[in-house]
C-alpha atoms as a PDB file:
ATOM      1  CA  MET A   1      -2.162  -1.347  21.626  1.00  0.00           C
ATOM      2  CA  GLY A   2       0.698  -2.911  23.570  1.00  0.00           C
ATOM      3  CA  SER A   3       3.663  -1.750  21.482  1.00  0.00           C
ATOM      4  CA  THR A   4       5.097   1.750  21.341  1.00  0.00           C
ATOM      5  CA  LEU A   5       6.663   1.214  17.900  1.00  0.00           C
ATOM      6  CA  ILE A   6       3.409   2.385  16.306  1.00  0.00           C
ATOM      7  CA  THR A   7       1.322   5.013  18.073  1.00  0.00           C
ATOM      8  CA  LEU A   8      -2.271   5.971  17.347  1.00  0.00           C
ATOM      9  CA  GLU A   9      -3.893   9.289  18.204  1.00  0.00           C
ATOM     10  CA  TYR A  10      -7.022  11.148  17.134  1.00  0.00           C
ATOM     11  CA  ASP A  11      -7.703  14.729  16.124  1.00  0.00           C
ATOM     12  CA  GLY A  12     -11.492  14.616  15.951  1.00  0.00           C
ATOM     13  CA  PRO A  13     -12.414  12.386  12.991  1.00  0.00           C
ATOM     14  CA  VAL A  14      -8.786  12.233  11.807  1.00  0.00           C
ATOM     15  CA  ALA A  15      -6.664   9.319  13.020  1.00  0.00           C
ATOM     16  CA  ILE A  16      -2.897   9.842  13.226  1.00  0.00           C
ATOM     17  CA  ILE A  17      -0.708   6.738  12.901  1.00  0.00           C
ATOM     18  CA  SER A  18       2.969   7.303  13.733  1.00  0.00           C
ATOM     19  CA  ASN A  19       5.992   5.133  13.039  1.00  0.00           C
ATOM     20  CA  ASN A  20       7.922   5.363  16.296  1.00  0.00           C
ATOM     21  CA  ARG A  21      11.325   3.737  15.930  1.00  0.00           C
ATOM     22  CA  PRO A  22      13.300   6.906  15.174  1.00  0.00           C
ATOM     23  CA  GLU A  23      16.672   5.584  16.360  1.00  0.00           C
ATOM     24  CA  LYS A  24      16.460   3.022  13.509  1.00  0.00           C
ATOM     25  CA  HIS A  25      15.007   5.451  10.949  1.00  0.00           C
ATOM     26  CA  ASN A  26      11.734   3.590  11.561  1.00  0.00           C
ATOM     27  CA  ALA A  27      12.998   0.369   9.977  1.00  0.00           C
ATOM     28  CA  ALA A  28      10.126  -2.106  10.185  1.00  0.00           C
ATOM     29  CA  ASN A  29      10.537  -5.265  12.251  1.00  0.00           C
ATOM     30  CA  ASP A  30       8.077  -7.984  13.260  1.00  0.00           C
ATOM     31  CA  GLU A  31       6.912  -6.144  16.380  1.00  0.00           C
ATOM     32  CA  MET A  32       6.310  -2.944  14.429  1.00  0.00           C
ATOM     33  CA  ASP A  33       4.332  -4.838  11.790  1.00  0.00           C
ATOM     34  CA  GLU A  34       2.149  -6.421  14.466  1.00  0.00           C
ATOM     35  CA  ALA A  35       1.556  -3.030  16.076  1.00  0.00           C
ATOM     36  CA  PHE A  36       0.493  -1.575  12.735  1.00  0.00           C
ATOM     37  CA  ARG A  37      -1.983  -4.418  12.218  1.00  0.00           C
ATOM     38  CA  ASP A  38      -3.394  -3.727  15.692  1.00  0.00           C
ATOM     39  CA  ALA A  39      -3.747  -0.016  14.901  1.00  0.00           C
ATOM     40  CA  LEU A  40      -5.495  -0.776  11.638  1.00  0.00           C
ATOM     41  CA  ALA A  41      -7.911  -3.140  13.379  1.00  0.00           C
ATOM     42  CA  GLU A  42      -8.749  -0.430  15.922  1.00  0.00           C
ATOM     43  CA  LEU A  43      -9.421   2.059  13.138  1.00  0.00           C
ATOM     44  CA  TYR A  44     -11.579  -0.399  11.206  1.00  0.00           C
ATOM     45  CA  ALA A  45     -13.718  -0.791  14.327  1.00  0.00           C
ATOM     46  CA  ASN A  46     -14.140   2.967  14.811  1.00  0.00           C
ATOM     47  CA  PRO A  47     -16.991   4.337  12.657  1.00  0.00           C
ATOM     48  CA  GLU A  48     -16.082   7.914  13.581  1.00  0.00           C
ATOM     49  CA  VAL A  49     -12.830   7.897  11.600  1.00  0.00           C
ATOM     50  CA  ARG A  50     -13.153   9.868   8.368  1.00  0.00           C
ATOM     51  CA  ALA A  51      -9.491  10.037   7.342  1.00  0.00           C
ATOM     52  CA  ALA A  52      -6.094   8.884   8.587  1.00  0.00           C
ATOM     53  CA  ILE A  53      -2.586  10.296   8.431  1.00  0.00           C
ATOM     54  CA  TRP A  54       0.394   7.928   8.448  1.00  0.00           C
ATOM     55  CA  ARG A  55       3.418   9.885   9.640  1.00  0.00           C
ATOM     56  CA  ALA A  56       6.664   9.233  11.493  1.00  0.00           C
ATOM     57  CA  ASN A  57       8.748  10.438  14.406  1.00  0.00           C
ATOM     58  CA  GLY A  58      12.413  11.135  13.732  1.00  0.00           C
ATOM     59  CA  GLY A  59      14.207  11.946  10.506  1.00  0.00           C
ATOM     60  CA  SER A  60      12.770   9.303   8.173  1.00  0.00           C
ATOM     61  CA  TRP A  61       9.329   7.927   7.441  1.00  0.00           C
ATOM     62  CA  SER A  62      10.859   4.455   7.209  1.00  0.00           C
ATOM     63  CA  SER A  63      14.145   3.040   5.962  1.00  0.00           C
ATOM     64  CA  GLY A  64      12.355  -0.173   4.970  1.00  0.00           C
ATOM     65  CA  ARG A  65      12.609  -3.638   6.403  1.00  0.00           C
ATOM     66  CA  ASP A  66      15.100  -4.121   9.224  1.00  0.00           C
ATOM     67  CA  VAL A  67      17.784  -5.905   7.189  1.00  0.00           C
ATOM     68  CA  SER A  68      18.646  -8.151  10.133  1.00  0.00           C
ATOM     69  CA  GLN A  69      15.211  -9.757   9.700  1.00  0.00           C
ATOM     70  CA  ILE A  70      15.127 -10.189   5.917  1.00  0.00           C
ATOM     71  CA  GLY A  71      14.424 -13.861   5.274  1.00  0.00           C
ATOM     72  CA  ILE A  72      14.551 -14.579   9.026  1.00  0.00           C
ATOM     73  CA  ARG A  73      11.484 -15.596  11.021  1.00  0.00           C
ATOM     74  CA  THR A  74      11.352 -14.721  14.715  1.00  0.00           C
ATOM     75  CA  GLU A  75       8.403 -17.077  15.239  1.00  0.00           C
ATOM     76  CA  ASP A  76       7.369 -20.557  14.126  1.00  0.00           C
ATOM     77  CA  ILE A  77       5.775 -19.613  10.790  1.00  0.00           C
ATOM     78  CA  ASP A  78       6.608 -20.566   7.229  1.00  0.00           C
ATOM     79  CA  ASN A  79       7.755 -17.958   4.708  1.00  0.00           C
ATOM     80  CA  LEU A  80       4.584 -18.016   2.616  1.00  0.00           C
ATOM     81  CA  SER A  81       2.292 -17.540   5.615  1.00  0.00           C
ATOM     82  CA  PHE A  82       4.525 -14.752   6.961  1.00  0.00           C
ATOM     83  CA  ILE A  83       4.482 -12.917   3.630  1.00  0.00           C
ATOM     84  CA  GLN A  84       0.738 -13.326   3.178  1.00  0.00           C
ATOM     85  CA  ARG A  85       0.029 -12.019   6.672  1.00  0.00           C
ATOM     86  CA  GLY A  86       1.958  -8.832   5.978  1.00  0.00           C
ATOM     87  CA  GLN A  87       0.321  -8.516   2.581  1.00  0.00           C
ATOM     88  CA  GLN A  88      -3.136  -8.841   4.128  1.00  0.00           C
ATOM     89  CA  ALA A  89      -2.475  -5.707   6.145  1.00  0.00           C
ATOM     90  CA  MET A  90      -1.765  -3.835   2.903  1.00  0.00           C
ATOM     91  CA  LYS A  91      -4.910  -5.242   1.292  1.00  0.00           C
ATOM     92  CA  ASP A  92      -6.749  -3.877   4.331  1.00  0.00           C
ATOM     93  CA  VAL A  93      -5.111  -0.496   3.723  1.00  0.00           C
ATOM     94  CA  ILE A  94      -6.226  -0.541   0.099  1.00  0.00           C
ATOM     95  CA  ARG A  95      -9.794  -1.432   1.120  1.00  0.00           C
ATOM     96  CA  ALA A  96      -9.961   0.737   4.252  1.00  0.00           C
ATOM     97  CA  PRO A  97     -13.327   2.470   4.828  1.00  0.00           C
ATOM     98  CA  PHE A  98     -11.499   5.828   5.027  1.00  0.00           C
ATOM     99  CA  PRO A  99      -8.691   7.427   3.000  1.00  0.00           C
ATOM    100  CA  ILE A 100      -5.123   7.222   4.286  1.00  0.00           C
ATOM    101  CA  LEU A 101      -2.658  10.034   3.617  1.00  0.00           C
ATOM    102  CA  CYS A 102       1.090   9.490   4.057  1.00  0.00           C
ATOM    103  CA  ALA A 103       3.249  12.395   5.258  1.00  0.00           C
ATOM    104  CA  LEU A 104       6.678  11.303   4.021  1.00  0.00           C
ATOM    105  CA  LYS A 105      10.143  12.564   4.903  1.00  0.00           C
ATOM    106  CA  GLY A 106      13.750  11.440   4.883  1.00  0.00           C
ATOM    107  CA  TRP A 107      14.194   7.876   3.686  1.00  0.00           C
ATOM    108  CA  VAL A 108      11.218   5.925   2.307  1.00  0.00           C
ATOM    109  CA  ILE A 109      12.723   2.595   1.323  1.00  0.00           C
ATOM    110  CA  GLY A 110      11.755  -0.856   0.127  1.00  0.00           C
ATOM    111  CA  GLY A 111       8.642  -2.447   1.564  1.00  0.00           C
ATOM    112  CA  SER A 112       7.853   0.764   3.417  1.00  0.00           C
ATOM    113  CA  PHE A 113       7.859   2.677   0.127  1.00  0.00           C
ATOM    114  CA  GLU A 114       5.507   0.041  -1.227  1.00  0.00           C
ATOM    115  CA  ARG A 115       3.249   0.383   1.796  1.00  0.00           C
ATOM    116  CA  SER A 116       2.931   4.105   1.204  1.00  0.00           C
ATOM    117  CA  LEU A 117       1.947   3.325  -2.390  1.00  0.00           C
ATOM    118  CA  CYS A 118      -0.986   1.261  -1.109  1.00  0.00           C
ATOM    119  CA  CYS A 119      -2.399   4.386   0.518  1.00  0.00           C
ATOM    120  CA  ASP A 120      -4.605   7.024  -1.121  1.00  0.00           C
ATOM    121  CA  LEU A 121      -2.372  10.086  -0.980  1.00  0.00           C
ATOM    122  CA  ARG A 122       1.294  10.870  -0.448  1.00  0.00           C
ATOM    123  CA  ILE A 123       2.847  14.230   0.292  1.00  0.00           C
ATOM    124  CA  ALA A 124       6.528  14.683   1.030  1.00  0.00           C
ATOM    125  CA  SER A 125       9.016  17.116   2.442  1.00  0.00           C
ATOM    126  CA  GLU A 126      11.794  18.364   0.180  1.00  0.00           C
ATOM    127  CA  ASP A 127      14.394  16.013   1.666  1.00  0.00           C
ATOM    128  CA  THR A 128      12.435  12.811   0.957  1.00  0.00           C
ATOM    129  CA  ARG A 129      14.271  10.045  -0.926  1.00  0.00           C
ATOM    130  CA  PHE A 130      12.699   6.870  -2.253  1.00  0.00           C
ATOM    131  CA  MET A 131      14.359   3.523  -3.001  1.00  0.00           C
ATOM    132  CA  LEU A 132      13.462  -0.064  -3.867  1.00  0.00           C
ATOM    133  CA  PRO A 133      16.722  -1.908  -3.051  1.00  0.00           C
ATOM    134  CA  GLU A 134      15.218  -5.380  -2.587  1.00  0.00           C
ATOM    135  CA  VAL A 135      17.003  -6.990  -5.544  1.00  0.00           C
ATOM    136  CA  LYS A 136      20.366  -5.970  -4.055  1.00  0.00           C
ATOM    137  CA  HIS A 137      19.392  -7.963  -0.957  1.00  0.00           C
ATOM    138  CA  GLY A 138      18.420 -10.953  -3.091  1.00  0.00           C
ATOM    139  CA  VAL A 139      14.670 -10.558  -2.594  1.00  0.00           C
ATOM    140  CA  LEU A 140      11.693  -9.074  -4.455  1.00  0.00           C
ATOM    141  CA  THR A 141       9.246  -6.242  -4.034  1.00  0.00           C
ATOM    142  CA  ASP A 142       6.270  -8.102  -2.582  1.00  0.00           C
ATOM    143  CA  THR A 143       3.748  -5.541  -1.350  1.00  0.00           C
ATOM    144  CA  GLY A 144       2.175  -4.357  -4.595  1.00  0.00           C
ATOM    145  CA  GLY A 145       4.671  -1.564  -5.184  1.00  0.00           C
ATOM    146  CA  MET A 146       5.720  -2.741  -8.624  1.00  0.00           C
ATOM    147  CA  ALA A 147       2.142  -2.760  -9.891  1.00  0.00           C
ATOM    148  CA  ARG A 148       1.295   0.614  -8.362  1.00  0.00           C
ATOM    149  CA  LEU A 149       4.457   2.195  -9.763  1.00  0.00           C
ATOM    150  CA  LEU A 150       3.699   0.720 -13.180  1.00  0.00           C
ATOM    151  CA  GLN A 151       0.379   2.566 -13.083  1.00  0.00           C
ATOM    152  CA  MET A 152       2.072   5.800 -12.046  1.00  0.00           C
ATOM    153  CA  VAL A 153       5.377   5.984 -13.882  1.00  0.00           C
ATOM    154  CA  GLY A 154       5.275   3.308 -16.600  1.00  0.00           C
ATOM    155  CA  HIS A 155       7.343   0.225 -17.298  1.00  0.00           C
ATOM    156  CA  GLY A 156      10.736   1.861 -17.903  1.00  0.00           C
ATOM    157  CA  VAL A 157      11.011   3.939 -14.752  1.00  0.00           C
ATOM    158  CA  THR A 158       9.538   1.138 -12.630  1.00  0.00           C
ATOM    159  CA  MET A 159      12.130  -1.369 -13.820  1.00  0.00           C
ATOM    160  CA  ASP A 160      14.897   1.223 -13.386  1.00  0.00           C
ATOM    161  CA  LEU A 161      13.921   1.644  -9.730  1.00  0.00           C
ATOM    162  CA  VAL A 162      13.389  -2.084  -9.130  1.00  0.00           C
ATOM    163  CA  LEU A 163      16.482  -3.456 -10.887  1.00  0.00           C
ATOM    164  CA  THR A 164      19.067  -0.778 -10.023  1.00  0.00           C
ATOM    165  CA  GLY A 165      17.773   0.274  -6.604  1.00  0.00           C
ATOM    166  CA  ARG A 166      18.630   3.886  -7.384  1.00  0.00           C
ATOM    167  CA  VAL A 167      17.416   6.834  -5.327  1.00  0.00           C
ATOM    168  CA  MET A 168      14.440   8.876  -6.525  1.00  0.00           C
ATOM    169  CA  GLY A 169      14.198  12.326  -4.987  1.00  0.00           C
ATOM    170  CA  ALA A 170      11.065  14.243  -4.086  1.00  0.00           C
ATOM    171  CA  GLU A 171      11.094  16.414  -7.211  1.00  0.00           C
ATOM    172  CA  GLU A 172      11.217  13.373  -9.501  1.00  0.00           C
ATOM    173  CA  ALA A 173       8.525  11.660  -7.443  1.00  0.00           C
ATOM    174  CA  LEU A 174       6.303  14.710  -7.903  1.00  0.00           C
ATOM    175  CA  ARG A 175       6.908  14.790 -11.672  1.00  0.00           C
ATOM    176  CA  HIS A 176       5.824  11.164 -11.940  1.00  0.00           C
ATOM    177  CA  GLY A 177       2.783  11.564  -9.680  1.00  0.00           C
ATOM    178  CA  VAL A 178       4.129   9.281  -6.951  1.00  0.00           C
ATOM    179  CA  ILE A 179       3.451  12.143  -4.542  1.00  0.00           C
ATOM    180  CA  SER A 180       0.933  14.932  -5.026  1.00  0.00           C
ATOM    181  CA  ARG A 181       2.678  17.740  -3.146  1.00  0.00           C
ATOM    182  CA  ILE A 182       6.127  18.797  -1.903  1.00  0.00           C
ATOM    183  CA  VAL A 183       6.266  21.007   1.167  1.00  0.00           C
ATOM    184  CA  SER A 184       8.988  22.138   3.507  1.00  0.00           C
ATOM    185  CA  ALA A 185       9.826  19.945   6.477  1.00  0.00           C
ATOM    186  CA  GLU A 186       8.306  22.588   8.744  1.00  0.00           C
ATOM    187  CA  GLU A 187       5.010  22.510   6.835  1.00  0.00           C
ATOM    188  CA  LEU A 188       4.674  18.743   6.413  1.00  0.00           C
ATOM    189  CA  GLU A 189       2.622  17.912   9.502  1.00  0.00           C
ATOM    190  CA  GLU A 190       0.370  20.968   9.218  1.00  0.00           C
ATOM    191  CA  THR A 191      -0.299  20.373   5.522  1.00  0.00           C
ATOM    192  CA  ALA A 192      -1.121  16.710   6.097  1.00  0.00           C
ATOM    193  CA  LEU A 193      -3.555  17.598   8.874  1.00  0.00           C
ATOM    194  CA  GLU A 194      -5.211  20.298   6.749  1.00  0.00           C
ATOM    195  CA  MET A 195      -5.673  17.837   3.894  1.00  0.00           C
ATOM    196  CA  ALA A 196      -7.075  15.129   6.173  1.00  0.00           C
ATOM    197  CA  GLN A 197      -9.430  17.566   7.871  1.00  0.00           C
ATOM    198  CA  ALA A 198     -10.688  18.791   4.491  1.00  0.00           C
ATOM    199  CA  ILE A 199     -11.454  15.193   3.518  1.00  0.00           C
ATOM    200  CA  ALA A 200     -13.100  14.529   6.877  1.00  0.00           C
ATOM    201  CA  LYS A 201     -15.415  17.527   6.449  1.00  0.00           C
ATOM    202  CA  SER A 202     -16.747  16.279   3.103  1.00  0.00           C
ATOM    203  CA  PRO A 203     -19.799  13.982   3.039  1.00  0.00           C
ATOM    204  CA  ALA A 204     -18.510  10.600   4.182  1.00  0.00           C
ATOM    205  CA  PHE A 205     -20.559   8.558   1.711  1.00  0.00           C
ATOM    206  CA  THR A 206     -19.398  10.708  -1.210  1.00  0.00           C
ATOM    207  CA  VAL A 207     -15.758  10.207  -0.213  1.00  0.00           C
ATOM    208  CA  LYS A 208     -16.420   6.481   0.066  1.00  0.00           C
ATOM    209  CA  MET A 209     -17.919   6.350  -3.434  1.00  0.00           C
ATOM    210  CA  ALA A 210     -15.042   8.393  -4.919  1.00  0.00           C
ATOM    211  CA  ARG A 211     -12.580   5.886  -3.476  1.00  0.00           C
ATOM    212  CA  ARG A 212     -14.737   3.020  -4.712  1.00  0.00           C
ATOM    213  CA  ASN A 213     -14.642   4.389  -8.264  1.00  0.00           C
ATOM    214  CA  MET A 214     -10.870   4.794  -8.172  1.00  0.00           C
ATOM    215  CA  GLY A 215     -10.471   1.371  -6.616  1.00  0.00           C
ATOM    216  CA  LEU A 216     -12.446  -0.302  -9.395  1.00  0.00           C
ATOM    217  CA  MET A 217     -10.038   1.178 -11.909  1.00  0.00           C
ATOM    218  CA  ALA A 218      -6.761   0.821 -10.054  1.00  0.00           C
ATOM    219  CA  ASN A 219      -6.743  -1.718  -7.248  1.00  0.00           C
ATOM    220  CA  GLN A 220      -7.320  -5.109  -8.874  1.00  0.00           C
ATOM    221  CA  LEU A 221      -3.951  -5.043 -10.633  1.00  0.00           C
ATOM    222  CA  VAL A 222      -2.239  -4.262  -7.330  1.00  0.00           C
ATOM    223  CA  VAL A 223      -4.090  -6.997  -5.423  1.00  0.00           C
ATOM    224  CA  ASP A 224      -3.357  -9.551  -8.151  1.00  0.00           C
ATOM    225  CA  SER A 225       0.302  -8.537  -8.077  1.00  0.00           C
ATOM    226  CA  ILE A 226       0.435  -8.929  -4.297  1.00  0.00           C
ATOM    227  CA  ASP A 227      -0.943 -12.462  -4.571  1.00  0.00           C
ATOM    228  CA  GLU A 228       1.611 -13.431  -7.220  1.00  0.00           C
ATOM    229  CA  GLU A 229       4.446 -11.822  -5.258  1.00  0.00           C
ATOM    230  CA  ALA A 230       3.701 -14.065  -2.273  1.00  0.00           C
ATOM    231  CA  THR A 231       4.512 -17.059  -4.458  1.00  0.00           C
ATOM    232  CA  THR A 232       7.573 -15.617  -6.173  1.00  0.00           C
ATOM    233  CA  GLN A 233       9.071 -14.289  -2.935  1.00  0.00           C
ATOM    234  CA  THR A 234       8.647 -17.698  -1.300  1.00  0.00           C
ATOM    235  CA  LEU A 235      10.439 -19.277  -4.253  1.00  0.00           C
ATOM    236  CA  VAL A 236      13.250 -16.727  -3.912  1.00  0.00           C
ATOM    237  CA  PHE A 237      13.761 -17.564  -0.233  1.00  0.00           C
ATOM    238  CA  ALA A 238      14.118 -21.235  -1.198  1.00  0.00           C
ATOM    239  CA  SER A 239      16.403 -20.609  -4.200  1.00  0.00           C
ATOM    240  CA  ASP A 240      20.050 -21.655  -4.546  1.00  0.00           C
ATOM    241  CA  ASP A 241      21.004 -18.122  -5.585  1.00  0.00           C
ATOM    242  CA  TYR A 242      19.556 -16.606  -2.409  1.00  0.00           C
ATOM    243  CA  ALA A 243      21.442 -19.137  -0.283  1.00  0.00           C
ATOM    244  CA  GLU A 244      24.613 -18.382  -2.254  1.00  0.00           C
ATOM    245  CA  MET A 245      24.199 -14.633  -1.753  1.00  0.00           C
ATOM    246  CA  LYS A 246      23.903 -15.063   2.028  1.00  0.00           C
ATOM    247  CA  ALA A 247      26.850 -17.464   2.150  1.00  0.00           C
ATOM    248  CA  ALA A 248      29.039 -15.180   0.035  1.00  0.00           C
ATOM    249  CA  ARG A 249      28.305 -12.191   2.242  1.00  0.00           C
ATOM    250  CA  ALA A 250      29.039 -14.175   5.402  1.00  0.00           C
ATOM    251  CA  GLU A 251      32.307 -15.449   3.909  1.00  0.00           C
ATOM    252  CA  GLU A 252      33.207 -12.054   2.372  1.00  0.00           C
ATOM    253  CA  ARG A 253      33.646 -13.430  -1.143  1.00  0.00           C
ATOM    254  CA  GLU A 254      32.148 -12.906  -4.578  1.00  0.00           C
ATOM    255  CA  PRO A 255      28.965 -14.946  -5.099  1.00  0.00           C
ATOM    256  CA  LYS A 256      28.651 -17.502  -7.881  1.00  0.00           C
ATOM    257  CA  TYR A 257      25.067 -17.413  -9.072  1.00  0.00           C
ATOM    258  CA  ARG A 258      23.565 -20.252 -11.111  1.00  0.00           C
ATOM    259  CA  GLY A 259      20.190 -18.718 -11.998  1.00  0.00           C
ATOM    260  CA  ARG A 260      18.110 -21.073  -9.890  1.00  0.00           C
END
């Protein structure tokens, strides 16, 4: 792996993926996304991996997409292809040959929140706060988060989070089943490692079949949603309202939306 924005280590059969942009609260940019895809490819090629932990250095797991890059391409690629490439990484997470556990803390925002929802397990420290503020930035959730939240919390709470962008704290996330455990910040890393090691010690084929059974029940809706979101997000980027939002912010005026 050439980038330091995502690091990959091993503790026996447990892989440890770390977001490593702490000075930006681990906001995801293009380089970080590429590094994550590289890490995932390395793990896919390693038959010794039995479980993975996705953690972060610094105060937050991830504050979401680097807002300076929303709707901006740093390479010669169209919006649809860019979105689908990022979505493919999350499909690979969903279909990974090993379970992935997220150790969450601080801010878990936007697409990064959605990415954690594509994983098998989520635990969080007491200070963790979740948000889906995409609509406020004129864009959509596009990584399967809406579908996964619908399964977890129902239509009403999902639309509350999506349309208002409000903060959901760790206690509420636990009540809704978005996370399975709350621990202190001091216990987060140790608890995640204990959980991953317990999974790794179980018969690998049995773990694989348990995830297969859950996937048959839960994953098709999420994958179908991801595919549809690629289309709708591309349409949003090309919409008059999105252009008006960006122009109004640049000109420091109230936008005049026309619903198209």
